[in-house]
Structure formats: C-alpha cells, structure tokens
PDB file of all heavy atoms in Angstrom:
ATOM      1  N   LEU A   1     259.386 142.368 138.287  1.00  0.00           N
ATOM      2  CA  LEU A   1     259.537 142.340 139.739  1.00  0.00           C
ATOM      3  C   LEU A   1     259.104 143.657 140.371  1.00  0.00           C
ATOM      4  O   LEU A   1     258.578 143.674 141.498  1.00  0.00           O
ATOM      5  CB  LEU A   1     260.995 142.049 140.107  1.00  0.00           C
ATOM      6  CG  LEU A   1     261.582 140.727 139.611  1.00  0.00           C
ATOM      7  CD1 LEU A   1     263.036 140.604 140.046  1.00  0.00           C
ATOM      8  CD2 LEU A   1     260.768 139.534 140.108  1.00  0.00           C
ATOM      9  N   GLU A   2     259.308 144.756 139.656  1.00  0.00           N
ATOM     10  CA  GLU A   2     258.960 146.066 140.201  1.00  0.00           C
ATOM     11  C   GLU A   2     257.449 146.285 140.294  1.00  0.00           C
ATOM     12  O   GLU A   2     257.005 147.236 140.950  1.00  0.00           O
ATOM     13  CB  GLU A   2     259.594 147.161 139.342  1.00  0.00           C
ATOM     14  CG  GLU A   2     261.119 147.156 139.409  1.00  0.00           C
ATOM     15  CD  GLU A   2     261.746 148.211 138.525  1.00  0.00           C
ATOM     16  OE1 GLU A   2     260.997 148.875 137.764  1.00  0.00           O
ATOM     17  OE2 GLU A   2     262.973 148.385 138.579  1.00  0.00           O
ATOM     18  N   LEU A   3     256.671 145.417 139.658  1.00  0.00           N
ATOM     19  CA  LEU A   3     255.218 145.533 139.751  1.00  0.00           C
ATOM     20  C   LEU A   3     254.699 145.064 141.108  1.00  0.00           C
ATOM     21  O   LEU A   3     253.604 145.444 141.527  1.00  0.00           O
ATOM     22  CB  LEU A   3     254.546 144.705 138.648  1.00  0.00           C
ATOM     23  CG  LEU A   3     254.773 145.156 137.201  1.00  0.00           C
ATOM     24  CD1 LEU A   3     254.103 144.169 136.242  1.00  0.00           C
ATOM     25  CD2 LEU A   3     254.229 146.559 136.975  1.00  0.00           C
ATOM     26  N   LEU A   4     255.479 144.238 141.787  1.00  0.00           N
ATOM     27  CA  LEU A   4     255.056 143.700 143.077  1.00  0.00           C
ATOM     28  C   LEU A   4     255.243 144.748 144.171  1.00  0.00           C
ATOM     29  O   LEU A   4     256.268 145.419 144.232  1.00  0.00           O
ATOM     30  CB  LEU A   4     255.862 142.440 143.409  1.00  0.00           C
ATOM     31  CG  LEU A   4     255.606 141.267 142.456  1.00  0.00           C
ATOM     32  CD1 LEU A   4     256.688 140.215 142.596  1.00  0.00           C
ATOM     33  CD2 LEU A   4     254.233 140.662 142.712  1.00  0.00           C
ATOM     34  N   ARG A   5     254.239 144.878 145.033  1.00  0.00           N
ATOM     35  CA  ARG A   5     254.269 145.862 146.108  1.00  0.00           C
ATOM     36  C   ARG A   5     253.293 145.409 147.181  1.00  0.00           C
ATOM     37  O   ARG A   5     252.539 144.448 146.976  1.00  0.00           O
ATOM     38  CB  ARG A   5     253.918 147.250 145.573  1.00  0.00           C
ATOM     39  CG  ARG A   5     252.561 147.329 144.905  1.00  0.00           C
ATOM     40  CD  ARG A   5     252.397 148.596 144.083  1.00  0.00           C
ATOM     41  NE  ARG A   5     250.996 148.822 143.745  1.00  0.00           N
ATOM     42  CZ  ARG A   5     250.571 149.680 142.834  1.00  0.00           C
ATOM     43  NH1 ARG A   5     251.464 150.409 142.166  1.00  0.00           N
ATOM     44  NH2 ARG A   5     249.294 149.841 142.596  1.00  0.00           N
ATOM     45  N   PRO A   6     253.293 146.074 148.344  1.00  0.00           N
ATOM     46  CA  PRO A   6     252.429 145.592 149.443  1.00  0.00           C
ATOM     47  C   PRO A   6     250.961 145.437 149.075  1.00  0.00           C
ATOM     48  O   PRO A   6     250.299 144.504 149.548  1.00  0.00           O
ATOM     49  CB  PRO A   6     252.624 146.675 150.517  1.00  0.00           C
ATOM     50  CG  PRO A   6     254.004 147.176 150.277  1.00  0.00           C
ATOM     51  CD  PRO A   6     254.175 147.164 148.781  1.00  0.00           C
ATOM     52  N   ASP A   7     250.419 146.333 148.246  1.00  0.00           N
ATOM     53  CA  ASP A   7     249.010 146.204 147.884  1.00  0.00           C
ATOM     54  C   ASP A   7     248.799 145.316 146.657  1.00  0.00           C
ATOM     55  O   ASP A   7     247.661 145.109 146.226  1.00  0.00           O
ATOM     56  CB  ASP A   7     248.399 147.592 147.632  1.00  0.00           C
ATOM     57  CG  ASP A   7     249.057 148.314 146.461  1.00  0.00           C
ATOM     58  OD1 ASP A   7     250.217 147.987 146.129  1.00  0.00           O
ATOM     59  OD2 ASP A   7     248.412 149.204 145.872  1.00  0.00           O
ATOM     60  N   ARG A   8     249.899 144.777 146.103  1.00  0.00           N
ATOM     61  CA  ARG A   8     249.812 143.840 144.975  1.00  0.00           C
ATOM     62  C   ARG A   8     250.931 142.818 145.140  1.00  0.00           C
ATOM     63  O   ARG A   8     251.911 142.808 144.413  1.00  0.00           O
ATOM     64  CB  ARG A   8     249.948 144.601 143.649  1.00  0.00           C
ATOM     65  CG  ARG A   8     249.660 143.711 142.430  1.00  0.00           C
ATOM     66  CD  ARG A   8     249.515 144.540 141.153  1.00  0.00           C
ATOM     67  NE  ARG A   8     250.683 145.344 140.890  1.00  0.00           N
ATOM     68  CZ  ARG A   8     250.646 146.607 140.448  1.00  0.00           C
ATOM     69  NH1 ARG A   8     249.492 147.204 140.225  1.00  0.00           N
ATOM     70  NH2 ARG A   8     251.751 147.286 140.248  1.00  0.00           N
ATOM     71  N   PRO A   9     250.773 141.895 146.120  1.00  0.00           N
ATOM     72  CA  PRO A   9     251.850 140.955 146.434  1.00  0.00           C
ATOM     73  C   PRO A   9     252.015 139.829 145.419  1.00  0.00           C
ATOM     74  O   PRO A   9     253.037 139.141 145.436  1.00  0.00           O
ATOM     75  CB  PRO A   9     251.439 140.399 147.801  1.00  0.00           C
ATOM     76  CG  PRO A   9     249.944 140.518 147.809  1.00  0.00           C
ATOM     77  CD  PRO A   9     249.633 141.766 147.043  1.00  0.00           C
ATOM     78  N   THR A  10     251.020 139.619 144.578  1.00  0.00           N
ATOM     79  CA  THR A  10     251.119 138.581 143.548  1.00  0.00           C
ATOM     80  C   THR A  10     250.622 139.127 142.212  1.00  0.00           C
ATOM     81  O   THR A  10     249.876 140.110 142.157  1.00  0.00           O
ATOM     82  CB  THR A  10     250.285 137.333 143.914  1.00  0.00           C
ATOM     83  OG1 THR A  10     248.901 137.707 144.059  1.00  0.00           O
ATOM     84  CG2 THR A  10     250.788 136.693 145.203  1.00  0.00           C
ATOM     85  N   LEU A  11     251.047 138.452 141.136  1.00  0.00           N
ATOM     86  CA  LEU A  11     250.703 138.852 139.772  1.00  0.00           C
ATOM     87  C   LEU A  11     250.336 137.639 138.945  1.00  0.00           C
ATOM     88  O   LEU A  11     250.896 136.557 139.130  1.00  0.00           O
ATOM     89  CB  LEU A  11     251.897 139.529 139.090  1.00  0.00           C
ATOM     90  CG  LEU A  11     252.358 140.909 139.544  1.00  0.00           C
ATOM     91  CD1 LEU A  11     253.735 141.173 138.975  1.00  0.00           C
ATOM     92  CD2 LEU A  11     251.374 141.969 139.074  1.00  0.00           C
ATOM     93  N   GLU A  12     249.419 137.828 138.032  1.00  0.00           N
ATOM     94  CA  GLU A  12     249.176 136.846 136.988  1.00  0.00           C
ATOM     95  C   GLU A  12     249.785 137.385 135.693  1.00  0.00           C
ATOM     96  O   GLU A  12     250.075 138.584 135.577  1.00  0.00           O
ATOM     97  CB  GLU A  12     247.671 136.610 136.802  1.00  0.00           C
ATOM     98  CG  GLU A  12     246.996 135.945 137.984  1.00  0.00           C
ATOM     99  CD  GLU A  12     247.366 134.477 138.155  1.00  0.00           C
ATOM    100  OE1 GLU A  12     248.188 133.959 137.348  1.00  0.00           O
ATOM    101  OE2 GLU A  12     246.834 133.851 139.083  1.00  0.00           O
ATOM    102  N   VAL A  13     249.976 136.523 134.730  1.00  0.00           N
ATOM    103  CA  VAL A  13     250.565 136.939 133.461  1.00  0.00           C
ATOM    104  C   VAL A  13     249.716 138.021 132.799  1.00  0.00           C
ATOM    105  O   VAL A  13     250.238 138.969 132.207  1.00  0.00           O
ATOM    106  CB  VAL A  13     250.742 135.726 132.523  1.00  0.00           C
ATOM    107  CG1 VAL A  13     251.161 136.179 131.118  1.00  0.00           C
ATOM    108  CG2 VAL A  13     251.781 134.770 133.097  1.00  0.00           C
ATOM    109  N   ASP A  14     248.402 137.917 132.931  1.00  0.00           N
ATOM    110  CA  ASP A  14     247.510 138.949 132.359  1.00  0.00           C
ATOM    111  C   ASP A  14     247.797 140.321 132.962  1.00  0.00           C
ATOM    112  O   ASP A  14     247.722 141.341 132.267  1.00  0.00           O
ATOM    113  CB  ASP A  14     246.046 138.578 132.595  1.00  0.00           C
ATOM    114  CG  ASP A  14     245.594 137.412 131.734  1.00  0.00           C
ATOM    115  OD1 ASP A  14     246.329 137.067 130.785  1.00  0.00           O
ATOM    116  OD2 ASP A  14     244.512 136.862 132.013  1.00  0.00           O
ATOM    117  N   ASP A  15     248.121 140.353 134.267  1.00  0.00           N
ATOM    118  CA  ASP A  15     248.448 141.626 134.923  1.00  0.00           C
ATOM    119  C   ASP A  15     249.714 142.231 134.313  1.00  0.00           C
ATOM    120  O   ASP A  15     249.799 143.438 134.088  1.00  0.00           O
ATOM    121  CB  ASP A  15     248.660 141.416 136.428  1.00  0.00           C
ATOM    122  CG  ASP A  15     247.425 140.904 137.128  1.00  0.00           C
ATOM    123  OD1 ASP A  15     246.316 141.338 136.772  1.00  0.00           O
ATOM    124  OD2 ASP A  15     247.574 140.056 138.036  1.00  0.00           O
ATOM    125  N   ILE A  16     250.702 141.379 134.065  1.00  0.00           N
ATOM    126  CA  ILE A  16     251.965 141.845 133.492  1.00  0.00           C
ATOM    127  C   ILE A  16     251.735 142.433 132.103  1.00  0.00           C
ATOM    128  O   ILE A  16     252.253 143.502 131.769  1.00  0.00           O
ATOM    129  CB  ILE A  16     252.980 140.684 133.433  1.00  0.00           C
ATOM    130  CG1 ILE A  16     253.289 140.201 134.851  1.00  0.00           C
ATOM    131  CG2 ILE A  16     254.254 141.107 132.713  1.00  0.00           C
ATOM    132  CD1 ILE A  16     254.072 138.901 134.908  1.00  0.00           C
ATOM    133  N   CYS A  17     250.933 141.743 131.308  1.00  0.00           N
ATOM    134  CA  CYS A  17     250.634 142.240 129.959  1.00  0.00           C
ATOM    135  C   CYS A  17     249.910 143.581 130.026  1.00  0.00           C
ATOM    136  O   CYS A  17     250.222 144.506 129.267  1.00  0.00           O
ATOM    137  CB  CYS A  17     249.782 141.224 129.201  1.00  0.00           C
ATOM    138  SG  CYS A  17     250.614 139.661 128.877  1.00  0.00           S
ATOM    139  N   ARG A  18     248.971 143.687 130.952  1.00  0.00           N
ATOM    140  CA  ARG A  18     248.178 144.915 131.048  1.00  0.00           C
ATOM    141  C   ARG A  18     248.997 146.089 131.576  1.00  0.00           C
ATOM    142  O   ARG A  18     248.914 147.203 131.066  1.00  0.00           O
ATOM    143  CB  ARG A  18     246.974 144.665 131.963  1.00  0.00           C
ATOM    144  CG  ARG A  18     246.139 145.906 132.272  1.00  0.00           C
ATOM    145  CD  ARG A  18     244.894 145.534 133.067  1.00  0.00           C
ATOM    146  NE  ARG A  18     245.204 144.757 134.241  1.00  0.00           N
ATOM    147  CZ  ARG A  18     245.594 145.281 135.412  1.00  0.00           C
ATOM    148  NH1 ARG A  18     245.711 146.590 135.537  1.00  0.00           N
ATOM    149  NH2 ARG A  18     245.843 144.500 136.449  1.00  0.00           N
ATOM    150  N   LEU A  19     249.808 145.833 132.585  1.00  0.00           N
ATOM    151  CA  LEU A  19     250.537 146.916 133.249  1.00  0.00           C
ATOM    152  C   LEU A  19     251.794 147.340 132.500  1.00  0.00           C
ATOM    153  O   LEU A  19     252.198 148.512 132.562  1.00  0.00           O
ATOM    154  CB  LEU A  19     250.901 146.497 134.671  1.00  0.00           C
ATOM    155  CG  LEU A  19     249.718 146.281 135.615  1.00  0.00           C
ATOM    156  CD1 LEU A  19     250.175 145.603 136.905  1.00  0.00           C
ATOM    157  CD2 LEU A  19     249.039 147.615 135.934  1.00  0.00           C
ATOM    158  N   LEU A  20     252.422 146.413 131.808  1.00  0.00           N
ATOM    159  CA  LEU A  20     253.672 146.728 131.117  1.00  0.00           C
ATOM    160  C   LEU A  20     253.533 146.748 129.594  1.00  0.00           C
ATOM    161  O   LEU A  20     254.466 147.138 128.891  1.00  0.00           O
ATOM    162  CB  LEU A  20     254.765 145.722 131.514  1.00  0.00           C
ATOM    163  CG  LEU A  20     255.193 145.760 132.997  1.00  0.00           C
ATOM    164  CD1 LEU A  20     256.220 144.672 133.279  1.00  0.00           C
ATOM    165  CD2 LEU A  20     255.761 147.130 133.352  1.00  0.00           C
ATOM    166  N   GLY A  21     252.386 146.301 129.098  1.00  0.00           N
ATOM    167  CA  GLY A  21     252.177 146.306 127.654  1.00  0.00           C
ATOM    168  C   GLY A  21     252.939 145.220 126.918  1.00  0.00           C
ATOM    169  O   GLY A  21     253.175 145.336 125.708  1.00  0.00           O
ATOM    170  N   TYR A  22     253.315 144.152 127.623  1.00  0.00           N
ATOM    171  CA  TYR A  22     254.059 143.070 126.985  1.00  0.00           C
ATOM    172  C   TYR A  22     253.111 142.125 126.267  1.00  0.00           C
ATOM    173  O   TYR A  22     251.953 141.921 126.687  1.00  0.00           O
ATOM    174  CB  TYR A  22     254.844 142.258 128.014  1.00  0.00           C
ATOM    175  CG  TYR A  22     255.970 143.015 128.691  1.00  0.00           C
ATOM    176  CD1 TYR A  22     256.622 142.473 129.790  1.00  0.00           C
ATOM    177  CD2 TYR A  22     256.377 144.275 128.251  1.00  0.00           C
ATOM    178  CE1 TYR A  22     257.645 143.150 130.426  1.00  0.00           C
ATOM    179  CE2 TYR A  22     257.402 144.961 128.877  1.00  0.00           C
ATOM    180  CZ  TYR A  22     258.030 144.397 129.966  1.00  0.00           C
ATOM    181  OH  TYR A  22     259.046 145.073 130.586  1.00  0.00           O
ATOM    182  N   ALA A  23     253.585 141.510 125.218  1.00  0.00           N
ATOM    183  CA  ALA A  23     252.830 140.461 124.547  1.00  0.00           C
ATOM    184  C   ALA A  23     252.773 139.243 125.466  1.00  0.00           C
ATOM    185  O   ALA A  23     253.705 139.007 126.244  1.00  0.00           O
ATOM    186  CB  ALA A  23     253.497 140.090 123.232  1.00  0.00           C
ATOM    187  N   PRO A  24     251.686 138.442 125.408  1.00  0.00           N
ATOM    188  CA  PRO A  24     251.587 137.275 126.292  1.00  0.00           C
ATOM    189  C   PRO A  24     252.787 136.339 126.211  1.00  0.00           C
ATOM    190  O   PRO A  24     253.266 135.864 127.244  1.00  0.00           O
ATOM    191  CB  PRO A  24     250.304 136.589 125.808  1.00  0.00           C
ATOM    192  CG  PRO A  24     249.474 137.709 125.265  1.00  0.00           C
ATOM    193  CD  PRO A  24     250.449 138.638 124.627  1.00  0.00           C
ATOM    194  N   ALA A  25     253.280 136.099 125.001  1.00  0.00           N
ATOM    195  CA  ALA A  25     254.429 135.197 124.851  1.00  0.00           C
ATOM    196  C   ALA A  25     255.647 135.738 125.590  1.00  0.00           C
ATOM    197  O   ALA A  25     256.392 134.988 126.238  1.00  0.00           O
ATOM    198  CB  ALA A  25     254.752 134.996 123.379  1.00  0.00           C
ATOM    199  N   THR A  26     255.851 137.051 125.520  1.00  0.00           N
ATOM    200  CA  THR A  26     256.986 137.676 126.212  1.00  0.00           C
ATOM    201  C   THR A  26     256.803 137.584 127.716  1.00  0.00           C
ATOM    202  O   THR A  26     257.739 137.242 128.454  1.00  0.00           O
ATOM    203  CB  THR A  26     257.114 139.150 125.784  1.00  0.00           C
ATOM    204  OG1 THR A  26     257.349 139.212 124.380  1.00  0.00           O
ATOM    205  CG2 THR A  26     258.249 139.832 126.527  1.00  0.00           C
ATOM    206  N   ALA A  27     255.611 137.882 128.194  1.00  0.00           N
ATOM    207  CA  ALA A  27     255.340 137.844 129.632  1.00  0.00           C
ATOM    208  C   ALA A  27     255.530 136.431 130.183  1.00  0.00           C
ATOM    209  O   ALA A  27     256.149 136.246 131.238  1.00  0.00           O
ATOM    210  CB  ALA A  27     253.927 138.344 129.910  1.00  0.00           C
ATOM    211  N   TYR A  28     255.019 135.427 129.458  1.00  0.00           N
ATOM    212  CA  TYR A  28     255.188 134.044 129.902  1.00  0.00           C
ATOM    213  C   TYR A  28     256.667 133.665 129.950  1.00  0.00           C
ATOM    214  O   TYR A  28     257.118 132.980 130.879  1.00  0.00           O
ATOM    215  CB  TYR A  28     254.438 133.093 128.968  1.00  0.00           C
ATOM    216  CG  TYR A  28     252.985 132.919 129.319  1.00  0.00           C
ATOM    217  CD1 TYR A  28     251.985 133.452 128.508  1.00  0.00           C
ATOM    218  CD2 TYR A  28     252.601 132.206 130.455  1.00  0.00           C
ATOM    219  CE1 TYR A  28     250.631 133.296 128.828  1.00  0.00           C
ATOM    220  CE2 TYR A  28     251.265 132.035 130.780  1.00  0.00           C
ATOM    221  CZ  TYR A  28     250.287 132.584 129.963  1.00  0.00           C
ATOM    222  OH  TYR A  28     248.961 132.431 130.293  1.00  0.00           O
ATOM    223  N   ARG A  29     257.439 134.095 128.977  1.00  0.00           N
ATOM    224  CA  ARG A  29     258.866 133.771 128.943  1.00  0.00           C
ATOM    225  C   ARG A  29     259.604 134.407 130.121  1.00  0.00           C
ATOM    226  O   ARG A  29     260.417 133.753 130.764  1.00  0.00           O
ATOM    227  CB  ARG A  29     259.472 134.231 127.616  1.00  0.00           C
ATOM    228  CG  ARG A  29     260.991 134.031 127.517  1.00  0.00           C
ATOM    229  CD  ARG A  29     261.465 134.121 126.087  1.00  0.00           C
ATOM    230  NE  ARG A  29     261.108 135.400 125.487  1.00  0.00           N
ATOM    231  CZ  ARG A  29     261.848 136.505 125.598  1.00  0.00           C
ATOM    232  NH1 ARG A  29     262.970 136.479 126.304  1.00  0.00           N
ATOM    233  NH2 ARG A  29     261.481 137.623 125.006  1.00  0.00           N
ATOM    234  N   TYR A  30     259.299 135.665 130.394  1.00  0.00           N
ATOM    235  CA  TYR A  30     259.962 136.336 131.510  1.00  0.00           C
ATOM    236  C   TYR A  30     259.606 135.681 132.825  1.00  0.00           C
ATOM    237  O   TYR A  30     260.468 135.474 133.695  1.00  0.00           O
ATOM    238  CB  TYR A  30     259.574 137.815 131.544  1.00  0.00           C
ATOM    239  CG  TYR A  30     260.198 138.650 130.450  1.00  0.00           C
ATOM    240  CD1 TYR A  30     259.659 139.894 130.107  1.00  0.00           C
ATOM    241  CD2 TYR A  30     261.330 138.219 129.756  1.00  0.00           C
ATOM    242  CE1 TYR A  30     260.229 140.676 129.113  1.00  0.00           C
ATOM    243  CE2 TYR A  30     261.903 138.994 128.752  1.00  0.00           C
ATOM    244  CZ  TYR A  30     261.342 140.217 128.440  1.00  0.00           C
ATOM    245  OH  TYR A  30     261.900 140.992 127.455  1.00  0.00           O
ATOM    246  N   VAL A  31     258.337 135.340 133.002  1.00  0.00           N
ATOM    247  CA  VAL A  31     257.901 134.687 134.243  1.00  0.00           C
ATOM    248  C   VAL A  31     258.609 133.349 134.403  1.00  0.00           C
ATOM    249  O   VAL A  31     259.097 133.008 135.494  1.00  0.00           O
ATOM    250  CB  VAL A  31     256.371 134.507 134.258  1.00  0.00           C
ATOM    251  CG1 VAL A  31     255.957 133.544 135.369  1.00  0.00           C
ATOM    252  CG2 VAL A  31     255.682 135.854 134.453  1.00  0.00           C
ATOM    253  N   ARG A  32     258.676 132.582 133.333  1.00  0.00           N
ATOM    254  CA  ARG A  32     259.328 131.270 133.398  1.00  0.00           C
ATOM    255  C   ARG A  32     260.797 131.411 133.805  1.00  0.00           C
ATOM    256  O   ARG A  32     261.300 130.662 134.649  1.00  0.00           O
ATOM    257  CB  ARG A  32     259.210 130.571 132.051  1.00  0.00           C
ATOM    258  CG  ARG A  32     259.804 129.153 132.048  1.00  0.00           C
ATOM    259  CD  ARG A  32     259.536 128.429 130.750  1.00  0.00           C
ATOM    260  NE  ARG A  32     260.187 129.100 129.623  1.00  0.00           N
ATOM    261  CZ  ARG A  32     259.532 129.786 128.685  1.00  0.00           C
ATOM    262  NH1 ARG A  32     258.217 129.892 128.746  1.00  0.00           N
ATOM    263  NH2 ARG A  32     260.182 130.367 127.688  1.00  0.00           N
ATOM    264  N   GLU A  33     261.494 132.382 133.223  1.00  0.00           N
ATOM    265  CA  GLU A  33     262.911 132.570 133.537  1.00  0.00           C
ATOM    266  C   GLU A  33     263.101 133.053 134.970  1.00  0.00           C
ATOM    267  O   GLU A  33     264.038 132.626 135.660  1.00  0.00           O
ATOM    268  CB  GLU A  33     263.537 133.558 132.547  1.00  0.00           C
ATOM    269  CG  GLU A  33     263.610 133.014 131.129  1.00  0.00           C
ATOM    270  CD  GLU A  33     264.216 134.006 130.154  1.00  0.00           C
ATOM    271  OE1 GLU A  33     264.705 135.067 130.593  1.00  0.00           O
ATOM    272  OE2 GLU A  33     264.203 133.721 128.943  1.00  0.00           O
ATOM    273  N   LEU A  34     262.235 133.924 135.436  1.00  0.00           N
ATOM    274  CA  LEU A  34     262.333 134.419 136.805  1.00  0.00           C
ATOM    275  C   LEU A  34     262.029 133.314 137.823  1.00  0.00           C
ATOM    276  O   LEU A  34     262.648 133.258 138.886  1.00  0.00           O
ATOM    277  CB  LEU A  34     261.386 135.606 137.006  1.00  0.00           C
ATOM    278  CG  LEU A  34     261.786 136.899 136.274  1.00  0.00           C
ATOM    279  CD1 LEU A  34     260.636 137.901 136.297  1.00  0.00           C
ATOM    280  CD2 LEU A  34     263.037 137.507 136.894  1.00  0.00           C
ATOM    281  N   VAL A  35     261.085 132.432 137.493  1.00  0.00           N
ATOM    282  CA  VAL A  35     260.786 131.291 138.363  1.00  0.00           C
ATOM    283  C   VAL A  35     261.974 130.335 138.385  1.00  0.00           C
ATOM    284  O   VAL A  35     262.367 129.830 139.448  1.00  0.00           O
ATOM    285  CB  VAL A  35     259.509 130.567 137.889  1.00  0.00           C
ATOM    286  CG1 VAL A  35     259.363 129.222 138.618  1.00  0.00           C
ATOM    287  CG2 VAL A  35     258.279 131.430 138.141  1.00  0.00           C
ATOM    288  N   ASP A  36     262.586 130.103 137.244  1.00  0.00           N
ATOM    289  CA  ASP A  36     263.709 129.168 137.145  1.00  0.00           C
ATOM    290  C   ASP A  36     264.883 129.578 138.030  1.00  0.00           C
ATOM    291  O   ASP A  36     265.600 128.713 138.554  1.00  0.00           O
ATOM    292  CB  ASP A  36     264.192 129.057 135.697  1.00  0.00           C
ATOM    293  CG  ASP A  36     263.228 128.257 134.815  1.00  0.00           C
ATOM    294  OD1 ASP A  36     262.356 127.569 135.378  1.00  0.00           O
ATOM    295  OD2 ASP A  36     263.356 128.332 133.573  1.00  0.00           O
ATOM    296  N   VAL A  37     265.096 130.873 138.209  1.00  0.00           N
ATOM    297  CA  VAL A  37     266.225 131.329 139.028  1.00  0.00           C
ATOM    298  C   VAL A  37     265.800 131.696 140.453  1.00  0.00           C
ATOM    299  O   VAL A  37     266.600 132.214 141.227  1.00  0.00           O
ATOM    300  CB  VAL A  37     266.952 132.525 138.367  1.00  0.00           C
ATOM    301  CG1 VAL A  37     267.553 132.105 137.044  1.00  0.00           C
ATOM    302  CG2 VAL A  37     266.025 133.718 138.193  1.00  0.00           C
ATOM    303  N   GLY A  38     264.541 131.444 140.797  1.00  0.00           N
ATOM    304  CA  GLY A  38     264.088 131.638 142.162  1.00  0.00           C
ATOM    305  C   GLY A  38     263.676 133.051 142.530  1.00  0.00           C
ATOM    306  O   GLY A  38     263.428 133.343 143.703  1.00  0.00           O
ATOM    307  N   LEU A  39     263.584 133.956 141.551  1.00  0.00           N
ATOM    308  CA  LEU A  39     263.179 135.328 141.847  1.00  0.00           C
ATOM    309  C   LEU A  39     261.663 135.467 141.910  1.00  0.00           C
ATOM    310  O   LEU A  39     261.155 136.407 142.517  1.00  0.00           O
ATOM    311  CB  LEU A  39     263.754 136.286 140.805  1.00  0.00           C
ATOM    312  CG  LEU A  39     265.287 136.370 140.780  1.00  0.00           C
ATOM    313  CD1 LEU A  39     265.745 137.321 139.692  1.00  0.00           C
ATOM    314  CD2 LEU A  39     265.819 136.822 142.138  1.00  0.00           C
ATOM    315  N   LEU A  40     260.941 134.556 141.277  1.00  0.00           N
ATOM    316  CA  LEU A  40     259.487 134.467 141.403  1.00  0.00           C
ATOM    317  C   LEU A  40     259.122 133.047 141.806  1.00  0.00           C
ATOM    318  O   LEU A  40     259.851 132.091 141.523  1.00  0.00           O
ATOM    319  CB  LEU A  40     258.798 134.800 140.076  1.00  0.00           C
ATOM    320  CG  LEU A  40     258.675 136.260 139.642  1.00  0.00           C
ATOM    321  CD1 LEU A  40     257.926 136.345 138.316  1.00  0.00           C
ATOM    322  CD2 LEU A  40     257.985 137.118 140.688  1.00  0.00           C
ATOM    323  N   VAL A  41     257.984 132.908 142.462  1.00  0.00           N
ATOM    324  CA  VAL A  41     257.483 131.597 142.843  1.00  0.00           C
ATOM    325  C   VAL A  41     255.978 131.594 142.619  1.00  0.00           C
ATOM    326  O   VAL A  41     255.308 132.620 142.802  1.00  0.00           O
ATOM    327  CB  VAL A  41     257.839 131.264 144.308  1.00  0.00           C
ATOM    328  CG1 VAL A  41     257.166 132.240 145.268  1.00  0.00           C
ATOM    329  CG2 VAL A  41     257.489 129.836 144.654  1.00  0.00           C
ATOM    330  N   ARG A  42     255.445 130.450 142.230  1.00  0.00           N
ATOM    331  CA  ARG A  42     254.008 130.320 142.014  1.00  0.00           C
ATOM    332  C   ARG A  42     253.301 130.165 143.343  1.00  0.00           C
ATOM    333  O   ARG A  42     253.641 129.289 144.151  1.00  0.00           O
ATOM    334  CB  ARG A  42     253.700 129.113 141.114  1.00  0.00           C
ATOM    335  CG  ARG A  42     252.222 128.927 140.800  1.00  0.00           C
ATOM    336  CD  ARG A  42     251.680 130.079 139.987  1.00  0.00           C
ATOM    337  NE  ARG A  42     250.253 129.914 139.707  1.00  0.00           N
ATOM    338  CZ  ARG A  42     249.508 130.809 139.078  1.00  0.00           C
ATOM    339  NH1 ARG A  42     250.056 131.934 138.655  1.00  0.00           N
ATOM    340  NH2 ARG A  42     248.235 130.596 138.867  1.00  0.00           N
ATOM    341  N   LEU A  43     252.338 131.038 143.621  1.00  0.00           N
ATOM    342  CA  LEU A  43     251.545 131.010 144.842  1.00  0.00           C
ATOM    343  C   LEU A  43     250.067 130.880 144.485  1.00  0.00           C
ATOM    344  O   LEU A  43     249.700 131.064 143.311  1.00  0.00           O
ATOM    345  CB  LEU A  43     251.782 132.295 145.645  1.00  0.00           C
ATOM    346  CG  LEU A  43     253.227 132.548 146.097  1.00  0.00           C
ATOM    347  CD1 LEU A  43     253.376 133.953 146.644  1.00  0.00           C
ATOM    348  CD2 LEU A  43     253.638 131.519 147.145  1.00  0.00           C
ATOM    349  N   PRO A  44     249.209 130.591 145.465  1.00  0.00           N
ATOM    350  CA  PRO A  44     247.773 130.454 145.157  1.00  0.00           C
ATOM    351  C   PRO A  44     247.174 131.678 144.471  1.00  0.00           C
ATOM    352  O   PRO A  44     246.297 131.545 143.625  1.00  0.00           O
ATOM    353  CB  PRO A  44     247.153 130.228 146.539  1.00  0.00           C
ATOM    354  CG  PRO A  44     248.228 129.576 147.331  1.00  0.00           C
ATOM    355  CD  PRO A  44     249.494 130.203 146.865  1.00  0.00           C
ATOM    356  N   GLY A  45     247.657 132.890 144.795  1.00  0.00           N
ATOM    357  CA  GLY A  45     247.082 134.084 144.204  1.00  0.00           C
ATOM    358  C   GLY A  45     247.786 134.565 142.955  1.00  0.00           C
ATOM    359  O   GLY A  45     247.431 135.610 142.403  1.00  0.00           O
ATOM    360  N   GLY A  46     248.802 133.831 142.508  1.00  0.00           N
ATOM    361  CA  GLY A  46     249.570 134.246 141.344  1.00  0.00           C
ATOM    362  C   GLY A  46     251.052 134.076 141.615  1.00  0.00           C
ATOM    363  O   GLY A  46     251.454 133.236 142.422  1.00  0.00           O
ATOM    364  N   TYR A  47     251.883 134.877 140.942  1.00  0.00           N
ATOM    365  CA  TYR A  47     253.325 134.807 141.131  1.00  0.00           C
ATOM    366  C   TYR A  47     253.780 135.884 142.119  1.00  0.00           C
ATOM    367  O   TYR A  47     253.407 137.050 141.996  1.00  0.00           O
ATOM    368  CB  TYR A  47     254.050 135.006 139.791  1.00  0.00           C
ATOM    369  CG  TYR A  47     253.809 133.878 138.820  1.00  0.00           C
ATOM    370  CD1 TYR A  47     252.799 133.954 137.868  1.00  0.00           C
ATOM    371  CD2 TYR A  47     254.595 132.724 138.869  1.00  0.00           C
ATOM    372  CE1 TYR A  47     252.568 132.914 136.975  1.00  0.00           C
ATOM    373  CE2 TYR A  47     254.374 131.676 137.986  1.00  0.00           C
ATOM    374  CZ  TYR A  47     253.359 131.778 137.045  1.00  0.00           C
ATOM    375  OH  TYR A  47     253.136 130.744 136.162  1.00  0.00           O
TER     376      TYR A  47
END
C-alpha cells in the first residue's frame, strides 16, 4: 500500500516485485488478500 502515491496511483504485480523485491507468488498472494478486504481494488491501470 505504501507504494501508491500521487504520481503512481495504480500498481501491477510486476511493479510490486520490482520495487519491493518480492517473488511473484508472494506479490500475487498479498494483492489477493488486500483486494479481499477492500484495501485494494482492480482498476483499468492496475491496482
């Protein structure tokens, strides 16, 4: 969530892996859990 900012309002999983060094499986899991609780939402430009 801290990766999101005014000049980067959306993220793709690849961005999370690149910026935080997470493995794709980990990044996908975190995104899924954050979407499930309403802290992230899927938008046309990413999450």
